[in-house]
């Protein structure tokens, strides 16, 4: 069984027991999170699809760690104009472990 949740402006397909990197959240390591924006819950013919969210459904997760992703390099150059710009970015993330589903 799986669910599709929405968090941090993105949608994730999650299963019970799986670890997932999501946008950074203000939560302590070991804290329990509840995602109530469930777009779909179930599998096969028994799947419930929300409009936009499934009523009464939630996904529980435990915070495993916090970190920063790989560096993304941004390079801009205008030829013959003496313009070169280098920039880098590392996105923060929170790694969570999906514990189970509520309202299945």
C-alpha atoms as a PDB file:
ATOM      1  CA  UNK A   1       0.000   0.000   0.000  1.00  0.00           C
ATOM      2  CA  UNK A   2       1.212   3.498  -0.771  1.00  0.00           C
ATOM      3  CA  UNK A   3       0.122   7.115  -0.533  1.00  0.00           C
ATOM      4  CA  UNK A   4       0.806  10.339  -2.391  1.00  0.00           C
ATOM      5  CA  UNK A   5       1.450  13.238  -0.002  1.00  0.00           C
ATOM      6  CA  UNK A   6       2.128  16.926  -0.521  1.00  0.00           C
ATOM      7  CA  UNK A   7       4.741  18.794   1.496  1.00  0.00           C
ATOM      8  CA  UNK A   8       7.065  21.675   0.722  1.00  0.00           C
ATOM      9  CA  UNK A   9       5.298  22.410  -2.561  1.00  0.00           C
ATOM     10  CA  UNK A  10       6.127  18.958  -3.931  1.00  0.00           C
ATOM     11  CA  UNK A  11       4.317  15.629  -4.140  1.00  0.00           C
ATOM     12  CA  UNK A  12       5.856  12.343  -3.020  1.00  0.00           C
ATOM     13  CA  UNK A  13       4.754   8.721  -3.456  1.00  0.00           C
ATOM     14  CA  UNK A  14       5.536   6.980  -0.151  1.00  0.00           C
ATOM     15  CA  UNK A  15       5.363   3.454   1.244  1.00  0.00           C
ATOM     16  CA  UNK A  16       5.518   2.311   4.839  1.00  0.00           C
ATOM     17  CA  UNK A  17       9.107   1.860   6.082  1.00  0.00           C
ATOM     18  CA  UNK A  18      10.702   3.931   3.321  1.00  0.00           C
ATOM     19  CA  UNK A  19      13.113   6.832   3.956  1.00  0.00           C
ATOM     20  CA  UNK A  20      12.563  10.065   2.096  1.00  0.00           C
ATOM     21  CA  UNK A  21      14.321  13.433   1.728  1.00  0.00           C
ATOM     22  CA  UNK A  22      11.871  16.317   1.812  1.00  0.00           C
ATOM     23  CA  UNK A  23      12.162  20.100   2.054  1.00  0.00           C
ATOM     24  CA  UNK A  24      13.631  21.248   5.370  1.00  0.00           C
ATOM     25  CA  UNK A  25      11.196  21.254   8.310  1.00  0.00           C
ATOM     26  CA  UNK A  26      11.603  22.719  11.801  1.00  0.00           C
ATOM     27  CA  UNK A  27      11.510  19.477  13.809  1.00  0.00           C
ATOM     28  CA  UNK A  28      13.849  17.722  16.205  1.00  0.00           C
ATOM     29  CA  UNK A  29      15.495  14.416  15.267  1.00  0.00           C
ATOM     30  CA  UNK A  30      13.248  11.606  16.497  1.00  0.00           C
ATOM     31  CA  UNK A  31      10.091  13.748  16.425  1.00  0.00           C
ATOM     32  CA  UNK A  32       6.915  12.360  14.884  1.00  0.00           C
ATOM     33  CA  UNK A  33       5.369  14.262  11.987  1.00  0.00           C
ATOM     34  CA  UNK A  34       1.873  13.935  10.555  1.00  0.00           C
ATOM     35  CA  UNK A  35       1.225  14.784   6.913  1.00  0.00           C
ATOM     36  CA  UNK A  36      -2.502  15.421   6.451  1.00  0.00           C
ATOM     37  CA  UNK A  37      -2.344  16.581   2.822  1.00  0.00           C
ATOM     38  CA  UNK A  38      -2.872  13.106   1.331  1.00  0.00           C
ATOM     39  CA  UNK A  39      -3.778  13.192  -2.358  1.00  0.00           C
ATOM     40  CA  UNK A  40      -4.181   9.432  -2.815  1.00  0.00           C
ATOM     41  CA  UNK A  41      -4.220   6.444  -0.489  1.00  0.00           C
ATOM     42  CA  UNK A  42      -4.368   2.730  -1.245  1.00  0.00           C
ATOM     43  CA  UNK A  43      -3.416   0.488  -4.117  1.00  0.00           C
ATOM     44  CA  UNK A  44      -5.122  -0.936  -7.177  1.00  0.00           C
ATOM     45  CA  UNK A  45      -8.933  -1.003  -7.151  1.00  0.00           C
ATOM     46  CA  UNK A  46      -9.115  -0.014  -3.456  1.00  0.00           C
ATOM     47  CA  UNK A  47      -7.307   3.312  -3.992  1.00  0.00           C
ATOM     48  CA  UNK A  48      -8.974   6.450  -2.646  1.00  0.00           C
ATOM     49  CA  UNK A  49      -8.349   9.603  -4.662  1.00  0.00           C
ATOM     50  CA  UNK A  50      -9.019  12.953  -3.004  1.00  0.00           C
ATOM     51  CA  UNK A  51     -10.547  16.102  -4.403  1.00  0.00           C
ATOM     52  CA  UNK A  52      -8.024  17.612  -3.653  1.00  0.00           C
ATOM     53  CA  UNK A  53      -7.256  15.691  -0.416  1.00  0.00           C
ATOM     54  CA  UNK A  54      -8.542  12.398   0.993  1.00  0.00           C
ATOM     55  CA  UNK A  55     -10.801  13.198   3.982  1.00  0.00           C
ATOM     56  CA  UNK A  56      -9.574  11.762   7.288  1.00  0.00           C
ATOM     57  CA  UNK A  57      -6.348  10.354   5.852  1.00  0.00           C
ATOM     58  CA  UNK A  58      -2.887  11.095   7.225  1.00  0.00           C
ATOM     59  CA  UNK A  59       0.641   9.740   6.986  1.00  0.00           C
ATOM     60  CA  UNK A  60       2.873   9.528  10.072  1.00  0.00           C
ATOM     61  CA  UNK A  61       6.651   9.824   9.830  1.00  0.00           C
ATOM     62  CA  UNK A  62       9.676  10.088  12.118  1.00  0.00           C
ATOM     63  CA  UNK A  63      12.509  12.579  11.538  1.00  0.00           C
ATOM     64  CA  UNK A  64      15.763  10.692  10.954  1.00  0.00           C
ATOM     65  CA  UNK A  65      18.198  13.517  10.147  1.00  0.00           C
ATOM     66  CA  UNK A  66      18.741  16.978   8.735  1.00  0.00           C
ATOM     67  CA  UNK A  67      21.323  17.851   6.103  1.00  0.00           C
ATOM     68  CA  UNK A  68      22.286  19.723   2.991  1.00  0.00           C
ATOM     69  CA  UNK A  69      22.161  18.375  -0.553  1.00  0.00           C
ATOM     70  CA  UNK A  70      24.871  18.319  -3.187  1.00  0.00           C
ATOM     71  CA  UNK A  71      26.156  21.626  -4.491  1.00  0.00           C
ATOM     72  CA  UNK A  72      24.549  22.917  -7.666  1.00  0.00           C
ATOM     73  CA  UNK A  73      26.855  25.156  -9.657  1.00  0.00           C
ATOM     74  CA  UNK A  74      25.457  28.085 -11.614  1.00  0.00           C
ATOM     75  CA  UNK A  75      27.704  29.554 -14.317  1.00  0.00           C
ATOM     76  CA  UNK A  76      26.702  32.545 -16.422  1.00  0.00           C
ATOM     77  CA  UNK A  77      28.783  34.074 -19.173  1.00  0.00           C
ATOM     78  CA  UNK A  78      28.200  36.644 -21.897  1.00  0.00           C
ATOM     79  CA  UNK A  79      30.741  36.220 -24.635  1.00  0.00           C
ATOM     80  CA  UNK A  80      32.731  39.269 -25.697  1.00  0.00           C
ATOM     81  CA  UNK A  81      31.194  41.348 -22.861  1.00  0.00           C
ATOM     82  CA  UNK A  82      33.676  40.576 -20.051  1.00  0.00           C
ATOM     83  CA  UNK A  83      30.858  39.133 -17.919  1.00  0.00           C
ATOM     84  CA  UNK A  84      31.370  35.919 -15.967  1.00  0.00           C
ATOM     85  CA  UNK A  85      29.436  34.958 -12.847  1.00  0.00           C
ATOM     86  CA  UNK A  86      29.918  31.837 -10.708  1.00  0.00           C
ATOM     87  CA  UNK A  87      27.420  30.892  -8.055  1.00  0.00           C
ATOM     88  CA  UNK A  88      26.620  27.813  -5.981  1.00  0.00           C
ATOM     89  CA  UNK A  89      23.661  26.546  -3.980  1.00  0.00           C
ATOM     90  CA  UNK A  90      23.061  23.754  -1.451  1.00  0.00           C
ATOM     91  CA  UNK A  91      19.464  23.003  -0.514  1.00  0.00           C
ATOM     92  CA  UNK A  92      18.604  22.016   3.059  1.00  0.00           C
ATOM     93  CA  UNK A  93      16.597  18.833   3.553  1.00  0.00           C
ATOM     94  CA  UNK A  94      14.981  16.738   6.268  1.00  0.00           C
ATOM     95  CA  UNK A  95      15.162  12.966   6.002  1.00  0.00           C
ATOM     96  CA  UNK A  96      12.080  11.169   7.334  1.00  0.00           C
ATOM     97  CA  UNK A  97      11.061   7.514   7.730  1.00  0.00           C
ATOM     98  CA  UNK A  98       7.427   6.736   6.892  1.00  0.00           C
ATOM     99  CA  UNK A  99       5.838   4.831   9.787  1.00  0.00           C
ATOM    100  CA  UNK A 100       2.307   4.219   8.618  1.00  0.00           C
ATOM    101  CA  UNK A 101      -1.019   5.425   7.300  1.00  0.00           C
ATOM    102  CA  UNK A 102      -4.080   6.632   9.191  1.00  0.00           C
ATOM    103  CA  UNK A 103      -7.534   6.282   7.655  1.00  0.00           C
ATOM    104  CA  UNK A 104      -6.600   3.448   5.311  1.00  0.00           C
END
